[in-house]
């Protein structure tokens, strides 16, 4: 993502992925990332919109807006 997210976008991300939400990793461009399809639990969304996750495999790599993709697992 280029630049910081707008206040509106940040609110939308926090509304969509509140703490405790279960997600699944869809796309990531990081060699240290958990495998695609790994599920985890949102622990926070920071002020630049990174979704911090406690992945089920023990990883804690964040999902970066505009670069990585995840989806809710309802």
Protein backbone atom coordinates (compact mmCIF):
# COMPACT_ATOMS: atom_id res chain seq x y z
CA UNK A 1 0.00 0.00 0.00
CA UNK A 2 1.28 3.42 -0.85
CA UNK A 3 1.08 5.90 2.01
CA UNK A 4 -1.02 5.56 5.11
CA UNK A 5 -4.64 4.43 4.93
CA UNK A 6 -7.38 7.01 5.33
CA UNK A 7 -9.31 7.20 8.59
CA UNK A 8 -12.34 5.74 6.78
CA UNK A 9 -10.37 2.81 5.34
CA UNK A 10 -8.80 2.08 8.72
CA UNK A 11 -12.24 2.07 10.37
CA UNK A 12 -13.55 -0.29 7.68
CA UNK A 13 -10.65 -2.71 8.22
CA UNK A 14 -11.16 -2.65 12.00
CA UNK A 15 -14.91 -3.18 11.56
CA UNK A 16 -14.35 -6.07 9.13
CA UNK A 17 -11.59 -7.73 11.20
CA UNK A 18 -12.24 -7.09 14.90
CA UNK A 19 -10.11 -8.79 17.53
CA UNK A 20 -11.06 -12.46 17.71
CA UNK A 21 -12.10 -12.78 14.05
CA UNK A 22 -10.99 -15.99 12.38
CA UNK A 23 -9.27 -15.50 9.02
CA UNK A 24 -7.56 -17.54 6.33
CA UNK A 25 -4.46 -16.45 4.42
CA UNK A 26 -5.17 -16.12 0.68
CA UNK A 27 -2.06 -14.36 -0.71
CA UNK A 28 1.18 -13.13 0.77
CA UNK A 29 4.56 -12.17 -0.67
CA UNK A 30 6.90 -13.07 2.17
CA UNK A 31 9.19 -16.09 2.41
CA UNK A 32 8.61 -16.30 6.18
CA UNK A 33 4.82 -16.26 5.88
CA UNK A 34 2.67 -19.21 6.85
CA UNK A 35 1.44 -21.31 3.91
CA UNK A 36 -1.55 -20.11 1.90
CA UNK A 37 -4.70 -21.50 3.50
CA UNK A 38 -3.36 -21.20 7.05
CA UNK A 39 -5.99 -19.97 9.49
CA UNK A 40 -5.57 -17.72 12.47
CA UNK A 41 -7.16 -15.27 14.88
CA UNK A 42 -6.94 -11.48 14.63
CA UNK A 43 -5.25 -9.96 17.69
CA UNK A 44 -5.12 -6.30 16.53
CA UNK A 45 -5.26 -3.87 13.63
CA UNK A 46 -2.61 -1.18 13.97
CA UNK A 47 -2.70 2.46 12.90
CA UNK A 48 -1.33 1.69 9.43
CA UNK A 49 -3.90 -1.05 8.85
CA UNK A 50 -1.74 -4.11 9.35
CA UNK A 51 -3.87 -6.98 10.62
CA UNK A 52 -1.91 -8.74 13.35
CA UNK A 53 -2.72 -12.43 13.56
CA UNK A 54 -1.96 -15.38 15.82
CA UNK A 55 -1.75 -18.05 13.13
CA UNK A 56 -2.70 -21.61 14.03
CA UNK A 57 0.80 -22.80 13.07
CA UNK A 58 2.40 -20.49 15.65
CA UNK A 59 3.44 -17.68 13.30
CA UNK A 60 2.57 -14.08 14.11
CA UNK A 61 3.30 -12.41 10.76
CA UNK A 62 0.86 -9.57 10.01
CA UNK A 63 -1.34 -9.19 6.94
CA UNK A 64 -0.36 -5.95 5.15
CA UNK A 65 -3.16 -4.00 3.48
CA UNK A 66 -2.74 -3.63 -0.26
CA UNK A 67 -0.07 -6.32 -0.45
CA UNK A 68 -1.47 -9.42 1.22
CA UNK A 69 -4.94 -10.94 1.14
CA UNK A 70 -6.94 -12.77 3.75
CA UNK A 71 -10.59 -13.68 4.15
CA UNK A 72 -12.90 -14.05 7.10
CA UNK A 73 -13.79 -17.55 8.15
CA UNK A 74 -17.30 -17.24 9.56
